[in-house]
Every structure is written in structure tokens, then in C-alpha cells.
Amino acid sequence: MLDPRVLDNHELDAELAVLKRGRDASMDEGAQGAELAEADALIEKFEAEIRHRHEQPQGD
């Protein structure tokens, strides 16, 4: 499983987009419930990491 904490910002955004597209494609193919739970949990981890990074003060 991917760990969002080890990715650079541009990699984090790109991987999040890939995860969301994959989840959406799975939904289009009829995936439900538990089949989507893992993807949703991983997406939430990525979104939480992005929020965390935006809340941190920028060092110059």
C-alpha cells in the first residue's frame, strides 16, 4: 500500500488523482461496499496528508 507521507507534494497530488480515477472506474463497473472501502480509506489518507502539509508553516 502506498504511504502518502513518503511522497513529494507533486507525487502526492498525482497519486491521489490516479486513486480517484481508479475508484470511479471501479464504481462504473459495478463495484460496491467492501470493494471500494480500501480505495476510499487510501484516498482519505492522501487527502489528510495534503491537508496536513497545507496547514504547516512554509519555511524559507
PDB file of N, CA and C in Angstrom:
ATOM      1  N   MET A   1       0.849  -1.178   0.000  1.00  0.00           N
ATOM      2  CA  MET A   1       0.000   0.000   0.000  1.00  0.00           C
ATOM      3  C   MET A   1       0.894   1.240   0.000  1.00  0.00           C
ATOM      4  N   LEU A   2       0.464   2.239  -0.712  1.00  0.00           N
ATOM      5  CA  LEU A   2       1.198   3.492  -0.781  1.00  0.00           C
ATOM      6  C   LEU A   2       1.120   4.241   0.543  1.00  0.00           C
ATOM      7  N   ASP A   3       2.219   4.867   0.910  1.00  0.00           N
ATOM      8  CA  ASP A   3       2.256   5.696   2.110  1.00  0.00           C
ATOM      9  C   ASP A   3       2.398   7.138   1.652  1.00  0.00           C
ATOM     10  N   PRO A   4       1.361   7.946   1.837  1.00  0.00           N
ATOM     11  CA  PRO A   4       1.408   9.321   1.334  1.00  0.00           C
ATOM     12  C   PRO A   4       2.470  10.174   2.014  1.00  0.00           C
ATOM     13  N   ARG A   5       2.930   9.781   3.195  1.00  0.00           N
ATOM     14  CA  ARG A   5       3.917  10.588   3.921  1.00  0.00           C
ATOM     15  C   ARG A   5       5.287  10.580   3.264  1.00  0.00           C
ATOM     16  N   VAL A   6       5.568   9.594   2.420  1.00  0.00           N
ATOM     17  CA  VAL A   6       6.896   9.498   1.814  1.00  0.00           C
ATOM     18  C   VAL A   6       6.955  10.121   0.421  1.00  0.00           C
ATOM     19  N   LEU A   7       5.866  10.671  -0.057  1.00  0.00           N
ATOM     20  CA  LEU A   7       5.826  11.250  -1.396  1.00  0.00           C
ATOM     21  C   LEU A   7       6.042  12.760  -1.350  1.00  0.00           C
ATOM     22  N   ASP A   8       6.652  13.286  -2.403  1.00  0.00           N
ATOM     23  CA  ASP A   8       6.757  14.737  -2.568  1.00  0.00           C
ATOM     24  C   ASP A   8       5.375  15.280  -2.890  1.00  0.00           C
ATOM     25  N   ASN A   9       5.206  16.605  -2.756  1.00  0.00           N
ATOM     26  CA  ASN A   9       3.897  17.211  -2.989  1.00  0.00           C
ATOM     27  C   ASN A   9       3.341  16.906  -4.373  1.00  0.00           C
ATOM     28  N   HIS A  10       4.170  17.044  -5.422  1.00  0.00           N
ATOM     29  CA  HIS A  10       3.658  16.801  -6.775  1.00  0.00           C
ATOM     30  C   HIS A  10       3.310  15.323  -6.961  1.00  0.00           C
ATOM     31  N   GLU A  11       4.054  14.428  -6.335  1.00  0.00           N
ATOM     32  CA  GLU A  11       3.746  12.995  -6.418  1.00  0.00           C
ATOM     33  C   GLU A  11       2.461  12.680  -5.659  1.00  0.00           C
ATOM     34  N   LEU A  12       2.272  13.342  -4.550  1.00  0.00           N
ATOM     35  CA  LEU A  12       1.082  13.135  -3.728  1.00  0.00           C
ATOM     36  C   LEU A  12      -0.181  13.500  -4.500  1.00  0.00           C
ATOM     37  N   ASP A  13      -0.161  14.667  -5.133  1.00  0.00           N
ATOM     38  CA  ASP A  13      -1.318  15.105  -5.918  1.00  0.00           C
ATOM     39  C   ASP A  13      -1.584  14.173  -7.092  1.00  0.00           C
ATOM     40  N   ALA A  14      -0.524  13.753  -7.763  1.00  0.00           N
ATOM     41  CA  ALA A  14      -0.679  12.870  -8.923  1.00  0.00           C
ATOM     42  C   ALA A  14      -1.236  11.507  -8.508  1.00  0.00           C
ATOM     43  N   GLU A  15      -0.717  10.944  -7.441  1.00  0.00           N
ATOM     44  CA  GLU A  15      -1.201   9.638  -6.972  1.00  0.00           C
ATOM     45  C   GLU A  15      -2.645   9.716  -6.502  1.00  0.00           C
ATOM     46  N   LEU A  16      -3.012  10.822  -5.846  1.00  0.00           N
ATOM     47  CA  LEU A  16      -4.400  11.000  -5.410  1.00  0.00           C
ATOM     48  C   LEU A  16      -5.331  11.011  -6.614  1.00  0.00           C
ATOM     49  N   ALA A  17      -4.935  11.692  -7.670  1.00  0.00           N
ATOM     50  CA  ALA A  17      -5.758  11.730  -8.885  1.00  0.00           C
ATOM     51  C   ALA A  17      -5.910  10.335  -9.482  1.00  0.00           C
ATOM     52  N   VAL A  18      -4.837   9.568  -9.504  1.00  0.00           N
ATOM     53  CA  VAL A  18      -4.890   8.195 -10.029  1.00  0.00           C
ATOM     54  C   VAL A  18      -5.815   7.337  -9.183  1.00  0.00           C
ATOM     55  N   LEU A  19      -5.711   7.459  -7.863  1.00  0.00           N
ATOM     56  CA  LEU A  19      -6.567   6.678  -6.972  1.00  0.00           C
ATOM     57  C   LEU A  19      -8.045   7.008  -7.191  1.00  0.00           C
ATOM     58  N   LYS A  20      -8.345   8.288  -7.333  1.00  0.00           N
ATOM     59  CA  LYS A  20      -9.743   8.691  -7.536  1.00  0.00           C
ATOM     60  C   LYS A  20     -10.276   8.190  -8.871  1.00  0.00           C
ATOM     61  N   ARG A  21      -9.453   8.269  -9.918  1.00  0.00           N
ATOM     62  CA  ARG A  21      -9.888   7.758 -11.230  1.00  0.00           C
ATOM     63  C   ARG A  21     -10.124   6.247 -11.168  1.00  0.00           C
ATOM     64  N   GLY A  22      -9.236   5.545 -10.490  1.00  0.00           N
ATOM     65  CA  GLY A  22      -9.393   4.097 -10.343  1.00  0.00           C
ATOM     66  C   GLY A  22     -10.648   3.733  -9.580  1.00  0.00           C
ATOM     67  N   ARG A  23     -10.910   4.449  -8.495  1.00  0.00           N
ATOM     68  CA  ARG A  23     -12.127   4.191  -7.719  1.00  0.00           C
ATOM     69  C   ARG A  23     -13.365   4.475  -8.566  1.00  0.00           C
ATOM     70  N   ASP A  24     -13.356   5.586  -9.289  1.00  0.00           N
ATOM     71  CA  ASP A  24     -14.502   5.932 -10.132  1.00  0.00           C
ATOM     72  C   ASP A  24     -14.725   4.885 -11.222  1.00  0.00           C
ATOM     73  N   ALA A  25     -13.647   4.396 -11.806  1.00  0.00           N
ATOM     74  CA  ALA A  25     -13.763   3.357 -12.831  1.00  0.00           C
ATOM     75  C   ALA A  25     -14.340   2.080 -12.223  1.00  0.00           C
ATOM     76  N   SER A  26     -13.921   1.747 -11.024  1.00  0.00           N
ATOM     77  CA  SER A  26     -14.456   0.563 -10.349  1.00  0.00           C
ATOM     78  C   SER A  26     -15.941   0.718 -10.079  1.00  0.00           C
ATOM     79  N   MET A  27     -16.338   1.916  -9.677  1.00  0.00           N
ATOM     80  CA  MET A  27     -17.764   2.174  -9.431  1.00  0.00           C
ATOM     81  C   MET A  27     -18.559   2.035 -10.719  1.00  0.00           C
ATOM     82  N   ASP A  28     -18.003   2.537 -11.814  1.00  0.00           N
ATOM     83  CA  ASP A  28     -18.676   2.434 -13.110  1.00  0.00           C
ATOM     84  C   ASP A  28     -18.861   0.980 -13.528  1.00  0.00           C
ATOM     85  N   GLU A  29     -17.941   0.115 -13.066  1.00  0.00           N
ATOM     86  CA  GLU A  29     -18.008  -1.308 -13.398  1.00  0.00           C
ATOM     87  C   GLU A  29     -18.844  -2.104 -12.398  1.00  0.00           C
ATOM     88  N   GLY A  30     -19.434  -1.408 -11.421  1.00  0.00           N
ATOM     89  CA  GLY A  30     -20.346  -2.063 -10.502  1.00  0.00           C
ATOM     90  C   GLY A  30     -19.787  -2.423  -9.141  1.00  0.00           C
ATOM     91  N   ALA A  31     -18.595  -2.002  -8.827  1.00  0.00           N
ATOM     92  CA  ALA A  31     -18.028  -2.292  -7.503  1.00  0.00           C
ATOM     93  C   ALA A  31     -18.836  -1.567  -6.436  1.00  0.00           C
ATOM     94  N   GLN A  32     -18.954  -2.212  -5.270  1.00  0.00           N
ATOM     95  CA  GLN A  32     -19.725  -1.634  -4.171  1.00  0.00           C
ATOM     96  C   GLN A  32     -19.088  -1.976  -2.839  1.00  0.00           C
ATOM     97  N   GLY A  33     -19.560  -1.308  -1.801  1.00  0.00           N
ATOM     98  CA  GLY A  33     -19.244  -1.625  -0.416  1.00  0.00           C
ATOM     99  C   GLY A  33     -17.787  -1.899  -0.114  1.00  0.00           C
ATOM    100  N   ALA A  34     -17.521  -3.134   0.308  1.00  0.00           N
ATOM    101  CA  ALA A  34     -16.178  -3.524   0.741  1.00  0.00           C
ATOM    102  C   ALA A  34     -15.160  -3.398  -0.383  1.00  0.00           C
ATOM    103  N   GLU A  35     -15.616  -3.559  -1.613  1.00  0.00           N
ATOM    104  CA  GLU A  35     -14.704  -3.449  -2.754  1.00  0.00           C
ATOM    105  C   GLU A  35     -14.138  -2.032  -2.880  1.00  0.00           C
ATOM    106  N   LEU A  36     -14.913  -1.055  -2.438  1.00  0.00           N
ATOM    107  CA  LEU A  36     -14.474   0.337  -2.535  1.00  0.00           C
ATOM    108  C   LEU A  36     -13.891   0.858  -1.227  1.00  0.00           C
ATOM    109  N   ALA A  37     -14.108   0.162  -0.140  1.00  0.00           N
ATOM    110  CA  ALA A  37     -13.682   0.640   1.177  1.00  0.00           C
ATOM    111  C   ALA A  37     -12.176   0.847   1.254  1.00  0.00           C
ATOM    112  N   GLU A  38     -11.396  -0.061   0.695  1.00  0.00           N
ATOM    113  CA  GLU A  38      -9.937   0.076   0.743  1.00  0.00           C
ATOM    114  C   GLU A  38      -9.486   1.297  -0.049  1.00  0.00           C
ATOM    115  N   ALA A  39     -10.061   1.488  -1.222  1.00  0.00           N
ATOM    116  CA  ALA A  39      -9.711   2.652  -2.041  1.00  0.00           C
ATOM    117  C   ALA A  39     -10.111   3.939  -1.339  1.00  0.00           C
ATOM    118  N   ASP A  40     -11.292   3.965  -0.748  1.00  0.00           N
ATOM    119  CA  ASP A  40     -11.748   5.156  -0.036  1.00  0.00           C
ATOM    120  C   ASP A  40     -10.851   5.471   1.155  1.00  0.00           C
ATOM    121  N   ALA A  41     -10.414   4.440   1.878  1.00  0.00           N
ATOM    122  CA  ALA A  41      -9.529   4.645   3.029  1.00  0.00           C
ATOM    123  C   ALA A  41      -8.184   5.212   2.585  1.00  0.00           C
ATOM    124  N   LEU A  42      -7.657   4.708   1.486  1.00  0.00           N
ATOM    125  CA  LEU A  42      -6.374   5.192   0.974  1.00  0.00           C
ATOM    126  C   LEU A  42      -6.506   6.630   0.466  1.00  0.00           C
ATOM    127  N   ILE A  43      -7.591   6.920  -0.208  1.00  0.00           N
ATOM    128  CA  ILE A  43      -7.845   8.283  -0.680  1.00  0.00           C
ATOM    129  C   ILE A  43      -7.920   9.240   0.504  1.00  0.00           C
ATOM    130  N   GLU A  44      -8.587   8.834   1.572  1.00  0.00           N
ATOM    131  CA  GLU A  44      -8.697   9.676   2.766  1.00  0.00           C
ATOM    132  C   GLU A  44      -7.326   9.943   3.381  1.00  0.00           C
ATOM    133  N   LYS A  45      -6.442   8.936   3.384  1.00  0.00           N
ATOM    134  CA  LYS A  45      -5.085   9.138   3.909  1.00  0.00           C
ATOM    135  C   LYS A  45      -4.338  10.172   3.087  1.00  0.00           C
ATOM    136  N   PHE A  46      -4.477  10.100   1.773  1.00  0.00           N
ATOM    137  CA  PHE A  46      -3.813  11.065   0.904  1.00  0.00           C
ATOM    138  C   PHE A  46      -4.374  12.466   1.128  1.00  0.00           C
ATOM    139  N   GLU A  47      -5.694  12.594   1.215  1.00  0.00           N
ATOM    140  CA  GLU A  47      -6.309  13.897   1.435  1.00  0.00           C
ATOM    141  C   GLU A  47      -5.920  14.472   2.791  1.00  0.00           C
ATOM    142  N   ALA A  48      -5.837  13.623   3.813  1.00  0.00           N
ATOM    143  CA  ALA A  48      -5.420  14.078   5.142  1.00  0.00           C
ATOM    144  C   ALA A  48      -3.982  14.568   5.122  1.00  0.00           C
ATOM    145  N   GLU A  49      -3.110  13.874   4.410  1.00  0.00           N
ATOM    146  CA  GLU A  49      -1.711  14.294   4.311  1.00  0.00           C
ATOM    147  C   GLU A  49      -1.604  15.632   3.583  1.00  0.00           C
ATOM    148  N   ILE A  50      -2.394  15.821   2.533  1.00  0.00           N
ATOM    149  CA  ILE A  50      -2.391  17.091   1.808  1.00  0.00           C
ATOM    150  C   ILE A  50      -2.855  18.216   2.726  1.00  0.00           C
ATOM    151  N   ARG A  51      -3.941  17.980   3.479  1.00  0.00           N
ATOM    152  CA  ARG A  51      -4.422  18.996   4.423  1.00  0.00           C
ATOM    153  C   ARG A  51      -3.342  19.317   5.458  1.00  0.00           C
ATOM    154  N   HIS A  52      -2.704  18.295   5.966  1.00  0.00           N
ATOM    155  CA  HIS A  52      -1.649  18.473   6.969  1.00  0.00           C
ATOM    156  C   HIS A  52      -0.515  19.327   6.413  1.00  0.00           C
ATOM    157  N   ARG A  53      -0.100  19.067   5.210  1.00  0.00           N
ATOM    158  CA  ARG A  53       1.001  19.832   4.604  1.00  0.00           C
ATOM    159  C   ARG A  53       0.614  21.283   4.357  1.00  0.00           C
ATOM    160  N   HIS A  54      -0.656  21.532   4.026  1.00  0.00           N
ATOM    161  CA  HIS A  54      -1.098  22.903   3.785  1.00  0.00           C
ATOM    162  C   HIS A  54      -1.219  23.685   5.086  1.00  0.00           C
ATOM    163  N   GLU A  55      -1.420  22.976   6.190  1.00  0.00           N
ATOM    164  CA  GLU A  55      -1.547  23.654   7.495  1.00  0.00           C
ATOM    165  C   GLU A  55      -0.186  24.014   8.086  1.00  0.00           C
ATOM    166  N   GLN A  56       0.879  23.348   7.646  1.00  0.00           N
ATOM    167  CA  GLN A  56       2.213  23.610   8.175  1.00  0.00           C
ATOM    168  C   GLN A  56       2.742  24.932   7.645  1.00  0.00           C
ATOM    169  N   PRO A  57       3.427  25.691   8.513  1.00  0.00           N
ATOM    170  CA  PRO A  57       4.031  26.942   8.024  1.00  0.00           C
ATOM    171  C   PRO A  57       5.141  26.650   7.025  1.00  0.00           C
ATOM    172  N   GLN A  58       5.248  27.488   6.026  1.00  0.00           N
ATOM    173  CA  GLN A  58       6.265  27.317   4.988  1.00  0.00           C
ATOM    174  C   GLN A  58       7.597  27.884   5.477  1.00  0.00           C
ATOM    175  N   GLY A  59       8.652  27.110   5.372  1.00  0.00           N
ATOM    176  CA  GLY A  59       9.987  27.581   5.749  1.00  0.00           C
ATOM    177  C   GLY A  59      10.692  28.200   4.560  1.00  0.00           C
ATOM    178  N   ASP A  60      11.373  29.294   4.788  1.00  0.00           N
ATOM    179  CA  ASP A  60      12.086  29.958   3.687  1.00  0.00           C
ATOM    180  C   ASP A  60      13.534  29.654   3.714  1.00  0.00           C
TER     181      ASP A  60
END
